[in-house]
């Protein structure tokens, strides 16, 4: 089965790509529907990023329940506790595997998350 791309972006990437039974969600940043970075701290930005992941998953017919792996980049490791509280609300049961690292990010934001979902065709 060839790969299938979903959604459009203002940069050269697809928000979601299906390859067989897996769906790969590009790194999502805390940008609202208005195209602006959301105001606030890590909690507000994490909430927006996770909502953006839900939206990208829906493009490929998936939900948060289909997510098997996430990779999280935090601009400041001291935000881990507050981030984890928000993250836990989105994955209350059987959370996916996760890697979380501290890293400089490409724009002035506090968090970026990418996800991999599994949903048989």
N, C-alpha and C. Protein backbone atom coordinates (compact mmCIF):
# COMPACT_ATOMS: atom_id res chain seq x y z
N UNK A 1 0.85 -1.18 0.00
CA UNK A 1 0.00 0.00 0.00
C UNK A 1 0.89 1.24 0.00
N UNK A 2 0.67 2.16 -0.93
CA UNK A 2 1.47 3.39 -0.96
C UNK A 2 1.11 4.30 0.21
N UNK A 3 2.03 5.20 0.53
CA UNK A 3 1.74 6.14 1.61
C UNK A 3 0.64 7.10 1.17
N UNK A 4 -0.07 7.61 2.15
CA UNK A 4 -1.17 8.54 1.90
C UNK A 4 -0.96 9.73 2.82
N UNK A 5 -0.92 10.93 2.24
CA UNK A 5 -0.70 12.15 3.01
C UNK A 5 -2.02 12.86 3.26
N UNK A 6 -2.14 13.46 4.44
CA UNK A 6 -3.36 14.16 4.84
C UNK A 6 -3.04 15.57 5.30
N UNK A 7 -3.85 16.53 4.89
CA UNK A 7 -3.71 17.90 5.35
C UNK A 7 -2.64 18.66 4.59
N UNK A 8 -2.63 19.95 4.84
CA UNK A 8 -1.65 20.85 4.22
C UNK A 8 -1.01 21.69 5.30
N UNK A 9 0.18 22.17 4.98
CA UNK A 9 0.93 23.01 5.90
C UNK A 9 1.58 24.14 5.12
N UNK A 10 1.91 25.22 5.81
CA UNK A 10 2.60 26.33 5.16
C UNK A 10 4.10 26.04 5.03
N UNK A 11 4.56 24.92 5.58
CA UNK A 11 5.95 24.47 5.44
C UNK A 11 5.93 23.11 4.73
N UNK A 12 7.08 22.66 4.19
CA UNK A 12 7.08 21.44 3.40
C UNK A 12 6.99 20.16 4.25
N UNK A 13 5.78 19.88 4.73
CA UNK A 13 5.50 18.64 5.47
C UNK A 13 4.02 18.34 5.38
N UNK A 14 3.66 17.11 5.66
CA UNK A 14 2.26 16.71 5.76
C UNK A 14 1.94 16.55 7.25
N UNK A 15 0.82 17.09 7.71
CA UNK A 15 0.47 16.93 9.12
C UNK A 15 0.32 15.46 9.52
N UNK A 16 -0.19 14.64 8.61
CA UNK A 16 -0.38 13.22 8.90
C UNK A 16 -0.07 12.41 7.65
N UNK A 17 0.60 11.27 7.84
CA UNK A 17 0.93 10.38 6.74
C UNK A 17 0.60 8.95 7.18
N UNK A 18 -0.21 8.26 6.37
CA UNK A 18 -0.50 6.85 6.62
C UNK A 18 0.46 6.02 5.79
N UNK A 19 1.09 5.03 6.45
CA UNK A 19 1.94 4.06 5.79
C UNK A 19 1.50 2.70 6.30
N UNK A 20 0.69 2.02 5.52
CA UNK A 20 0.11 0.76 5.99
C UNK A 20 -0.84 1.02 7.13
N UNK A 21 -0.63 0.30 8.23
CA UNK A 21 -1.52 0.45 9.39
C UNK A 21 -1.06 1.53 10.37
N UNK A 22 0.05 2.20 10.05
CA UNK A 22 0.57 3.23 10.94
C UNK A 22 0.30 4.62 10.38
N UNK A 23 0.03 5.56 11.27
CA UNK A 23 -0.17 6.96 10.91
C UNK A 23 0.85 7.77 11.70
N UNK A 24 1.63 8.57 10.98
CA UNK A 24 2.67 9.39 11.57
C UNK A 24 2.20 10.85 11.58
N UNK A 25 2.23 11.44 12.75
CA UNK A 25 1.81 12.84 12.92
C UNK A 25 3.07 13.69 13.07
N UNK A 26 3.23 14.65 12.17
CA UNK A 26 4.37 15.57 12.24
C UNK A 26 4.36 16.31 13.57
N UNK A 27 5.53 16.76 13.98
CA UNK A 27 5.63 17.52 15.22
C UNK A 27 4.65 18.68 15.22
N UNK A 28 3.84 18.72 16.27
CA UNK A 28 2.84 19.77 16.41
C UNK A 28 3.32 20.78 17.42
N UNK A 29 3.08 22.05 17.12
CA UNK A 29 3.49 23.15 17.97
C UNK A 29 2.26 23.89 18.48
N UNK A 30 2.40 24.73 19.49
CA UNK A 30 1.26 25.39 20.12
C UNK A 30 0.73 26.59 19.32
N UNK A 31 0.29 26.32 18.12
CA UNK A 31 -0.28 27.36 17.26
C UNK A 31 -1.77 27.11 17.15
N UNK A 32 -2.55 28.14 17.40
CA UNK A 32 -3.99 28.04 17.30
C UNK A 32 -4.48 28.15 15.87
N UNK A 33 -5.78 28.07 15.69
CA UNK A 33 -6.37 28.14 14.35
C UNK A 33 -6.13 29.48 13.68
N UNK A 34 -5.77 30.50 14.46
CA UNK A 34 -5.45 31.82 13.91
C UNK A 34 -4.02 31.91 13.40
N UNK A 35 -3.25 30.81 13.57
CA UNK A 35 -1.87 30.79 13.10
C UNK A 35 -0.87 31.41 14.07
N UNK A 36 -1.33 31.78 15.24
CA UNK A 36 -0.45 32.41 16.24
C UNK A 36 -0.14 31.46 17.38
N UNK A 37 1.04 31.60 17.96
CA UNK A 37 1.41 30.82 19.14
C UNK A 37 0.47 31.23 20.28
N UNK A 38 -0.08 30.25 20.98
CA UNK A 38 -1.00 30.56 22.07
C UNK A 38 -0.25 31.24 23.20
N UNK A 39 -0.93 32.12 23.87
CA UNK A 39 -0.35 32.83 25.01
C UNK A 39 -0.40 31.91 26.23
N UNK A 40 0.50 32.14 27.15
CA UNK A 40 0.49 31.37 28.39
C UNK A 40 1.74 30.54 28.54
N UNK A 41 1.70 29.69 29.56
CA UNK A 41 2.85 28.87 29.90
C UNK A 41 2.77 27.48 29.31
N UNK A 42 3.49 26.57 29.93
CA UNK A 42 3.57 25.21 29.42
C UNK A 42 2.21 24.52 29.40
N UNK A 43 1.36 24.75 30.39
CA UNK A 43 0.05 24.08 30.42
C UNK A 43 -0.80 24.49 29.22
N UNK A 44 -0.85 25.78 28.95
CA UNK A 44 -1.65 26.26 27.81
C UNK A 44 -1.06 25.78 26.49
N UNK A 45 0.25 25.81 26.38
CA UNK A 45 0.88 25.37 25.14
C UNK A 45 0.76 23.86 24.95
N UNK A 46 0.91 23.08 26.01
CA UNK A 46 0.74 21.63 25.90
C UNK A 46 -0.68 21.29 25.47
N UNK A 47 -1.65 21.97 26.05
CA UNK A 47 -3.06 21.75 25.69
C UNK A 47 -3.27 21.99 24.19
N UNK A 48 -2.74 23.09 23.67
CA UNK A 48 -2.91 23.40 22.25
C UNK A 48 -2.23 22.36 21.38
N UNK A 49 -1.03 21.95 21.75
CA UNK A 49 -0.30 20.94 20.97
C UNK A 49 -1.09 19.64 20.92
N UNK A 50 -1.62 19.21 22.05
CA UNK A 50 -2.38 17.95 22.08
C UNK A 50 -3.68 18.07 21.30
N UNK A 51 -4.31 19.23 21.32
CA UNK A 51 -5.49 19.45 20.48
C UNK A 51 -5.11 19.40 19.00
N UNK A 52 -3.95 19.96 18.66
CA UNK A 52 -3.48 19.91 17.27
C UNK A 52 -3.20 18.47 16.84
N UNK A 53 -2.68 17.65 17.76
CA UNK A 53 -2.46 16.24 17.45
C UNK A 53 -3.80 15.55 17.19
N UNK A 54 -4.79 15.82 18.02
CA UNK A 54 -6.13 15.24 17.80
C UNK A 54 -6.65 15.61 16.42
N UNK A 55 -6.48 16.84 16.02
CA UNK A 55 -6.95 17.31 14.72
C UNK A 55 -6.21 16.60 13.59
N UNK A 56 -4.89 16.47 13.70
CA UNK A 56 -4.10 15.79 12.67
C UNK A 56 -4.48 14.31 12.59
N UNK A 57 -4.68 13.68 13.73
CA UNK A 57 -5.09 12.27 13.74
C UNK A 57 -6.43 12.08 13.02
N UNK A 58 -7.35 13.00 13.27
CA UNK A 58 -8.68 12.90 12.66
C UNK A 58 -8.60 12.96 11.13
N UNK A 59 -7.63 13.69 10.60
CA UNK A 59 -7.46 13.75 9.14
C UNK A 59 -7.25 12.37 8.55
N UNK A 60 -6.63 11.48 9.33
CA UNK A 60 -6.33 10.12 8.87
C UNK A 60 -7.28 9.09 9.47
N UNK A 61 -8.37 9.56 10.07
CA UNK A 61 -9.37 8.64 10.62
C UNK A 61 -8.96 7.99 11.94
N UNK A 62 -8.10 8.65 12.70
CA UNK A 62 -7.62 8.11 13.97
C UNK A 62 -8.05 8.99 15.13
N UNK A 63 -7.88 8.45 16.33
CA UNK A 63 -8.14 9.19 17.56
C UNK A 63 -6.94 9.05 18.48
N UNK A 64 -6.99 9.73 19.60
CA UNK A 64 -5.91 9.63 20.58
C UNK A 64 -5.77 8.20 21.09
N UNK A 65 -6.85 7.43 21.09
CA UNK A 65 -6.78 6.04 21.53
C UNK A 65 -5.90 5.19 20.62
N UNK A 66 -5.66 5.64 19.39
CA UNK A 66 -4.83 4.89 18.44
C UNK A 66 -3.34 5.20 18.58
N UNK A 67 -2.98 6.19 19.37
CA UNK A 67 -1.58 6.60 19.50
C UNK A 67 -0.80 5.55 20.28
N UNK A 68 0.32 5.09 19.69
CA UNK A 68 1.16 4.08 20.33
C UNK A 68 2.50 4.64 20.80
N UNK A 69 2.90 5.81 20.28
CA UNK A 69 4.20 6.39 20.63
C UNK A 69 4.17 7.89 20.43
N UNK A 70 4.73 8.61 21.37
CA UNK A 70 4.91 10.05 21.20
C UNK A 70 6.37 10.40 21.52
N UNK A 71 6.80 11.48 20.91
CA UNK A 71 8.08 12.08 21.24
C UNK A 71 7.81 13.53 21.59
N UNK A 72 8.30 13.95 22.75
CA UNK A 72 8.02 15.28 23.28
C UNK A 72 9.34 16.03 23.45
N UNK A 73 9.35 17.26 22.95
CA UNK A 73 10.48 18.15 23.16
C UNK A 73 10.01 19.30 24.04
N UNK A 74 10.64 19.46 25.19
CA UNK A 74 10.36 20.59 26.08
C UNK A 74 11.52 21.56 26.01
N UNK A 75 11.20 22.83 25.93
CA UNK A 75 12.23 23.86 25.90
C UNK A 75 12.95 23.94 27.24
N UNK A 76 12.24 23.59 28.33
CA UNK A 76 12.82 23.66 29.67
C UNK A 76 12.37 22.43 30.47
N UNK A 77 13.31 21.62 30.89
CA UNK A 77 12.99 20.39 31.64
C UNK A 77 12.22 20.68 32.92
N UNK A 78 12.33 21.88 33.45
CA UNK A 78 11.59 22.24 34.67
C UNK A 78 10.09 22.29 34.43
N UNK A 79 9.66 22.30 33.15
CA UNK A 79 8.24 22.29 32.83
C UNK A 79 7.64 20.88 32.81
N UNK A 80 8.47 19.86 33.05
CA UNK A 80 8.02 18.48 32.91
C UNK A 80 6.80 18.16 33.77
N UNK A 81 6.79 18.54 35.02
CA UNK A 81 5.67 18.23 35.91
C UNK A 81 4.35 18.83 35.43
N UNK A 82 4.37 20.10 35.09
CA UNK A 82 3.15 20.76 34.61
C UNK A 82 2.70 20.18 33.28
N UNK A 83 3.66 19.88 32.39
CA UNK A 83 3.32 19.23 31.13
C UNK A 83 2.68 17.88 31.37
N UNK A 84 3.24 17.10 32.28
CA UNK A 84 2.76 15.74 32.52
C UNK A 84 1.31 15.73 33.00
N UNK A 85 0.91 16.73 33.76
CA UNK A 85 -0.48 16.82 34.24
C UNK A 85 -1.43 16.97 33.05
N UNK A 86 -1.09 17.84 32.11
CA UNK A 86 -1.94 18.04 30.92
C UNK A 86 -1.93 16.77 30.07
N UNK A 87 -0.76 16.22 29.82
CA UNK A 87 -0.61 15.03 28.98
C UNK A 87 -1.46 13.87 29.51
N UNK A 88 -1.46 13.68 30.82
CA UNK A 88 -2.21 12.58 31.45
C UNK A 88 -3.71 12.68 31.17
N UNK A 89 -4.23 13.88 31.02
CA UNK A 89 -5.66 14.05 30.72
C UNK A 89 -6.00 13.52 29.33
N UNK A 90 -5.06 13.58 28.41
CA UNK A 90 -5.30 13.13 27.04
C UNK A 90 -5.08 11.63 26.87
N UNK A 91 -4.37 11.02 27.78
CA UNK A 91 -4.10 9.58 27.73
C UNK A 91 -4.36 8.98 29.11
N UNK A 92 -5.64 8.97 29.56
CA UNK A 92 -5.93 8.54 30.93
C UNK A 92 -5.78 7.03 31.16
N UNK A 93 -5.90 6.23 30.10
CA UNK A 93 -5.82 4.77 30.23
C UNK A 93 -4.86 4.26 29.18
N UNK A 94 -3.99 3.34 29.55
CA UNK A 94 -3.04 2.73 28.62
C UNK A 94 -2.34 3.79 27.77
N UNK A 95 -1.59 4.69 28.39
CA UNK A 95 -0.91 5.73 27.61
C UNK A 95 0.12 5.13 26.66
N UNK A 96 0.42 5.85 25.59
CA UNK A 96 1.41 5.35 24.63
C UNK A 96 2.82 5.38 25.20
N UNK A 97 3.72 4.66 24.54
CA UNK A 97 5.14 4.80 24.86
C UNK A 97 5.52 6.25 24.59
N UNK A 98 6.50 6.76 25.33
CA UNK A 98 6.85 8.17 25.18
C UNK A 98 8.32 8.40 25.45
N UNK A 99 8.89 9.31 24.68
CA UNK A 99 10.22 9.83 24.94
C UNK A 99 10.06 11.33 25.16
N UNK A 100 10.67 11.85 26.21
CA UNK A 100 10.61 13.28 26.49
C UNK A 100 12.03 13.80 26.68
N UNK A 101 12.36 14.85 25.95
CA UNK A 101 13.71 15.42 26.04
C UNK A 101 13.62 16.94 26.16
N UNK A 102 14.68 17.51 26.69
CA UNK A 102 14.81 18.97 26.72
C UNK A 102 15.62 19.37 25.49
N UNK A 103 15.14 20.40 24.79
CA UNK A 103 15.80 20.80 23.56
C UNK A 103 15.47 22.24 23.21
N UNK A 104 16.40 22.90 22.55
CA UNK A 104 16.06 24.18 21.94
C UNK A 104 15.09 23.89 20.81
N UNK A 105 14.10 24.71 20.64
CA UNK A 105 13.10 24.50 19.59
C UNK A 105 13.28 25.52 18.47
N UNK A 106 12.65 25.25 17.34
CA UNK A 106 12.89 26.05 16.13
C UNK A 106 12.30 27.46 16.21
N UNK A 107 11.23 27.63 16.99
CA UNK A 107 10.64 28.95 17.19
C UNK A 107 10.50 29.17 18.69
N UNK A 108 10.06 30.33 19.11
CA UNK A 108 9.96 30.66 20.53
C UNK A 108 8.71 30.03 21.14
N UNK A 109 8.81 28.73 21.42
CA UNK A 109 7.72 27.97 22.03
C UNK A 109 8.30 27.12 23.15
N UNK A 110 7.41 26.53 23.94
CA UNK A 110 7.84 25.73 25.08
C UNK A 110 7.79 24.23 24.82
N UNK A 111 7.08 23.79 23.74
CA UNK A 111 6.85 22.37 23.55
C UNK A 111 6.55 22.03 22.10
N UNK A 112 6.96 20.84 21.70
CA UNK A 112 6.57 20.25 20.41
C UNK A 112 6.38 18.75 20.66
N UNK A 113 5.36 18.17 20.03
CA UNK A 113 5.09 16.73 20.17
C UNK A 113 4.79 16.13 18.80
N UNK A 114 5.40 14.96 18.53
CA UNK A 114 5.01 14.17 17.37
C UNK A 114 4.42 12.87 17.89
N UNK A 115 3.63 12.20 17.05
CA UNK A 115 2.95 10.99 17.47
C UNK A 115 2.92 9.96 16.35
N UNK A 116 2.83 8.71 16.76
CA UNK A 116 2.62 7.60 15.84
C UNK A 116 1.38 6.86 16.33
N UNK A 117 0.47 6.62 15.40
CA UNK A 117 -0.76 5.89 15.72
C UNK A 117 -0.80 4.59 14.93
N UNK A 118 -1.50 3.62 15.47
CA UNK A 118 -1.70 2.34 14.79
C UNK A 118 -3.20 2.12 14.63
N UNK A 119 -3.64 2.04 13.38
CA UNK A 119 -5.05 1.79 13.09
C UNK A 119 -5.10 1.00 11.80
N UNK A 120 -5.38 -0.32 11.90
CA UNK A 120 -5.44 -1.14 10.68
C UNK A 120 -6.42 -0.59 9.66
N UNK A 121 -6.02 -0.68 8.40
CA UNK A 121 -6.85 -0.18 7.30
C UNK A 121 -8.03 -1.10 7.08
